[in-house]
Amino acid sequence: MSQWAKLLARIHNNPKTVTFDELDNILQRAGYERRQPRSGSSHYVYTKGTRILTVPKHSPYVKESYVKAALRVLEEEGNES
């Protein structure tokens, strides 16, 4: 099993303990472009075509609702292919 598959499996099993860097890595490898926040905002915006996903960078972990939303979008893309 590749590192990519292991990371996705770990995130699916426990979405509460996902760091921003891990989620960022997954989204960028899936083809999303990251736009960094300006003027003090902590919200990063990921875009791919017409899809837009906003993820705030908090430490130590990203909130579960944002992780689940990202996984849902990635699964929808997988079903479209």
N, C-alpha and C. Protein backbone atom coordinates (compact mmCIF):
# COMPACT_ATOMS: atom_id res chain seq x y z
N MET A 1 0.85 -1.18 0.00
CA MET A 1 0.00 0.00 0.00
C MET A 1 0.89 1.24 0.00
N SER A 2 0.60 2.18 -0.87
CA SER A 2 1.42 3.38 -0.99
C SER A 2 1.14 4.34 0.17
N GLN A 3 2.02 5.31 0.33
CA GLN A 3 1.83 6.31 1.39
C GLN A 3 0.54 7.08 1.18
N TRP A 4 0.22 7.36 -0.08
CA TRP A 4 -1.01 8.08 -0.44
C TRP A 4 -2.24 7.29 0.05
N ALA A 5 -2.27 6.00 -0.24
CA ALA A 5 -3.40 5.16 0.16
C ALA A 5 -3.48 5.02 1.68
N LYS A 6 -2.33 4.91 2.32
CA LYS A 6 -2.31 4.81 3.79
C LYS A 6 -2.84 6.08 4.43
N LEU A 7 -2.44 7.23 3.90
CA LEU A 7 -2.90 8.50 4.44
C LEU A 7 -4.41 8.65 4.26
N LEU A 8 -4.92 8.32 3.09
CA LEU A 8 -6.36 8.39 2.85
C LEU A 8 -7.12 7.44 3.78
N ALA A 9 -6.61 6.24 3.97
CA ALA A 9 -7.26 5.28 4.85
C ALA A 9 -7.28 5.79 6.29
N ARG A 10 -6.18 6.37 6.74
CA ARG A 10 -6.11 6.89 8.10
C ARG A 10 -7.09 8.05 8.29
N ILE A 11 -7.21 8.89 7.28
CA ILE A 11 -8.12 10.03 7.38
C ILE A 11 -9.57 9.55 7.38
N HIS A 12 -9.89 8.55 6.57
CA HIS A 12 -11.25 8.00 6.56
C HIS A 12 -11.58 7.38 7.91
N ASN A 13 -10.62 6.70 8.52
CA ASN A 13 -10.86 6.02 9.79
C ASN A 13 -11.00 6.98 10.96
N ASN A 14 -10.27 8.09 10.94
CA ASN A 14 -10.31 9.03 12.06
C ASN A 14 -10.16 10.46 11.55
N PRO A 15 -11.25 11.08 11.10
CA PRO A 15 -11.16 12.44 10.55
C PRO A 15 -10.93 13.53 11.60
N LYS A 16 -10.91 13.16 12.87
CA LYS A 16 -10.71 14.16 13.92
C LYS A 16 -9.25 14.52 14.13
N THR A 17 -8.34 13.66 13.68
CA THR A 17 -6.92 13.90 13.93
C THR A 17 -6.14 14.12 12.64
N VAL A 18 -6.65 15.01 11.80
CA VAL A 18 -6.00 15.32 10.53
C VAL A 18 -5.37 16.70 10.64
N THR A 19 -4.07 16.78 10.36
CA THR A 19 -3.41 18.08 10.40
C THR A 19 -3.67 18.83 9.09
N PHE A 20 -3.46 20.13 9.13
CA PHE A 20 -3.65 20.94 7.93
C PHE A 20 -2.71 20.50 6.82
N ASP A 21 -1.47 20.19 7.17
CA ASP A 21 -0.48 19.77 6.16
C ASP A 21 -0.90 18.48 5.45
N GLU A 22 -1.49 17.54 6.20
CA GLU A 22 -1.95 16.30 5.59
C GLU A 22 -3.11 16.55 4.61
N LEU A 23 -4.07 17.36 5.04
CA LEU A 23 -5.21 17.67 4.18
C LEU A 23 -4.75 18.48 2.96
N ASP A 24 -3.83 19.40 3.18
CA ASP A 24 -3.27 20.19 2.08
C ASP A 24 -2.59 19.29 1.06
N ASN A 25 -1.82 18.33 1.53
CA ASN A 25 -1.12 17.38 0.66
C ASN A 25 -2.11 16.59 -0.19
N ILE A 26 -3.17 16.11 0.43
CA ILE A 26 -4.16 15.31 -0.29
C ILE A 26 -4.86 16.14 -1.36
N LEU A 27 -5.29 17.35 -0.99
CA LEU A 27 -6.01 18.18 -1.95
C LEU A 27 -5.13 18.60 -3.12
N GLN A 28 -3.88 18.93 -2.85
CA GLN A 28 -2.98 19.33 -3.94
C GLN A 28 -2.66 18.15 -4.85
N ARG A 29 -2.50 16.96 -4.29
CA ARG A 29 -2.25 15.78 -5.12
C ARG A 29 -3.47 15.40 -5.95
N ALA A 30 -4.65 15.80 -5.48
CA ALA A 30 -5.88 15.53 -6.23
C ALA A 30 -6.12 16.56 -7.33
N GLY A 31 -5.22 17.55 -7.43
CA GLY A 31 -5.32 18.52 -8.51
C GLY A 31 -5.89 19.86 -8.13
N TYR A 32 -6.10 20.10 -6.86
CA TYR A 32 -6.64 21.38 -6.41
C TYR A 32 -5.52 22.41 -6.32
N GLU A 33 -5.84 23.65 -6.67
CA GLU A 33 -4.89 24.75 -6.54
C GLU A 33 -5.20 25.48 -5.24
N ARG A 34 -4.15 25.78 -4.48
CA ARG A 34 -4.32 26.45 -3.19
C ARG A 34 -4.10 27.94 -3.34
N ARG A 35 -5.01 28.71 -2.80
CA ARG A 35 -4.84 30.16 -2.74
C ARG A 35 -4.70 30.54 -1.28
N GLN A 36 -3.58 31.16 -0.94
CA GLN A 36 -3.31 31.52 0.44
C GLN A 36 -4.10 32.75 0.84
N PRO A 37 -4.41 32.83 2.12
CA PRO A 37 -5.20 33.97 2.59
C PRO A 37 -4.40 35.26 2.58
N ARG A 38 -5.14 36.35 2.54
CA ARG A 38 -4.51 37.67 2.60
C ARG A 38 -4.97 38.39 3.85
N SER A 39 -4.23 39.34 4.24
CA SER A 39 -4.55 40.26 5.34
C SER A 39 -5.05 39.58 6.61
N GLY A 40 -4.30 38.60 7.07
CA GLY A 40 -4.56 38.03 8.38
C GLY A 40 -5.58 36.92 8.46
N SER A 41 -6.15 36.50 7.36
CA SER A 41 -7.13 35.42 7.39
C SER A 41 -6.42 34.08 7.51
N SER A 42 -7.09 33.11 8.12
CA SER A 42 -6.51 31.79 8.25
C SER A 42 -7.16 30.79 7.30
N HIS A 43 -8.07 31.24 6.45
CA HIS A 43 -8.81 30.36 5.55
C HIS A 43 -8.11 30.23 4.20
N TYR A 44 -7.72 29.01 3.86
CA TYR A 44 -7.12 28.71 2.57
C TYR A 44 -8.23 28.26 1.64
N VAL A 45 -8.17 28.68 0.38
CA VAL A 45 -9.19 28.34 -0.60
C VAL A 45 -8.57 27.41 -1.64
N TYR A 46 -9.22 26.27 -1.87
CA TYR A 46 -8.77 25.30 -2.86
C TYR A 46 -9.78 25.29 -4.00
N THR A 47 -9.28 25.36 -5.23
CA THR A 47 -10.17 25.37 -6.38
C THR A 47 -9.71 24.33 -7.40
N LYS A 48 -10.70 23.75 -8.06
CA LYS A 48 -10.45 22.82 -9.16
C LYS A 48 -11.67 22.89 -10.06
N GLY A 49 -11.50 23.53 -11.20
CA GLY A 49 -12.65 23.74 -12.08
C GLY A 49 -13.65 24.66 -11.40
N THR A 50 -14.87 24.18 -11.26
CA THR A 50 -15.90 24.98 -10.60
C THR A 50 -16.03 24.66 -9.12
N ARG A 51 -15.28 23.69 -8.65
CA ARG A 51 -15.36 23.30 -7.23
C ARG A 51 -14.49 24.22 -6.38
N ILE A 52 -15.05 24.66 -5.28
CA ILE A 52 -14.33 25.52 -4.34
C ILE A 52 -14.46 24.91 -2.96
N LEU A 53 -13.35 24.82 -2.25
CA LEU A 53 -13.33 24.27 -0.90
C LEU A 53 -12.51 25.20 -0.02
N THR A 54 -13.07 25.63 1.09
CA THR A 54 -12.38 26.52 2.01
C THR A 54 -12.01 25.74 3.26
N VAL A 55 -10.75 25.85 3.67
CA VAL A 55 -10.27 25.13 4.85
C VAL A 55 -9.49 26.09 5.73
N PRO A 56 -9.92 26.30 6.98
CA PRO A 56 -9.15 27.15 7.89
C PRO A 56 -7.95 26.40 8.46
N LYS A 57 -6.86 27.12 8.63
CA LYS A 57 -5.66 26.51 9.19
C LYS A 57 -5.63 26.79 10.69
N HIS A 58 -5.92 25.77 11.45
CA HIS A 58 -5.86 25.85 12.91
C HIS A 58 -4.95 24.74 13.39
N SER A 59 -4.40 24.91 14.55
CA SER A 59 -3.54 23.86 15.07
C SER A 59 -4.15 23.29 16.33
N PRO A 60 -3.94 22.07 16.67
CA PRO A 60 -3.12 21.12 15.93
C PRO A 60 -3.86 20.43 14.79
N TYR A 61 -5.22 20.40 14.82
CA TYR A 61 -5.96 19.64 13.81
C TYR A 61 -7.01 20.50 13.12
N VAL A 62 -7.33 20.12 11.89
CA VAL A 62 -8.42 20.74 11.14
C VAL A 62 -9.72 20.16 11.70
N LYS A 63 -10.75 20.98 11.80
CA LYS A 63 -12.02 20.50 12.34
C LYS A 63 -12.59 19.40 11.46
N GLU A 64 -13.25 18.47 12.13
CA GLU A 64 -13.78 17.27 11.47
C GLU A 64 -14.73 17.60 10.31
N SER A 65 -15.53 18.64 10.45
CA SER A 65 -16.50 18.97 9.40
C SER A 65 -15.80 19.35 8.10
N TYR A 66 -14.67 20.04 8.18
CA TYR A 66 -13.93 20.41 6.97
C TYR A 66 -13.27 19.19 6.33
N VAL A 67 -12.79 18.28 7.15
CA VAL A 67 -12.17 17.06 6.63
C VAL A 67 -13.21 16.21 5.92
N LYS A 68 -14.39 16.06 6.54
CA LYS A 68 -15.45 15.27 5.92
C LYS A 68 -15.92 15.90 4.62
N ALA A 69 -16.00 17.22 4.57
CA ALA A 69 -16.40 17.91 3.34
C ALA A 69 -15.37 17.65 2.24
N ALA A 70 -14.09 17.68 2.57
CA ALA A 70 -13.04 17.42 1.58
C ALA A 70 -13.12 15.98 1.09
N LEU A 71 -13.33 15.04 2.00
CA LEU A 71 -13.45 13.63 1.61
C LEU A 71 -14.66 13.41 0.71
N ARG A 72 -15.76 14.08 1.03
CA ARG A 72 -16.98 13.97 0.22
C ARG A 72 -16.73 14.46 -1.21
N VAL A 73 -16.04 15.59 -1.33
CA VAL A 73 -15.73 16.14 -2.65
C VAL A 73 -14.81 15.20 -3.42
N LEU A 74 -13.81 14.65 -2.75
CA LEU A 74 -12.89 13.73 -3.42
C LEU A 74 -13.60 12.45 -3.87
N GLU A 75 -14.53 11.95 -3.05
CA GLU A 75 -15.28 10.76 -3.43
C GLU A 75 -16.19 11.04 -4.62
N GLU A 76 -16.81 12.22 -4.65
CA GLU A 76 -17.67 12.58 -5.79
C GLU A 76 -16.85 12.64 -7.07
N GLU A 77 -15.65 13.17 -6.98
CA GLU A 77 -14.77 13.23 -8.16
C GLU A 77 -14.39 11.84 -8.62
N GLY A 78 -14.14 10.96 -7.66
CA GLY A 78 -13.79 9.58 -8.00
C GLY A 78 -14.93 8.85 -8.70
N ASN A 79 -16.16 9.15 -8.31
CA ASN A 79 -17.32 8.52 -8.93
C ASN A 79 -17.59 9.07 -10.32
N GLU A 80 -17.19 10.31 -10.57
CA GLU A 80 -17.39 10.92 -11.89
C GLU A 80 -16.42 10.37 -12.91
N SER A 81 -15.26 9.94 -12.46
CA SER A 81 -14.21 9.48 -13.40
C SER A 81 -14.55 8.15 -14.00
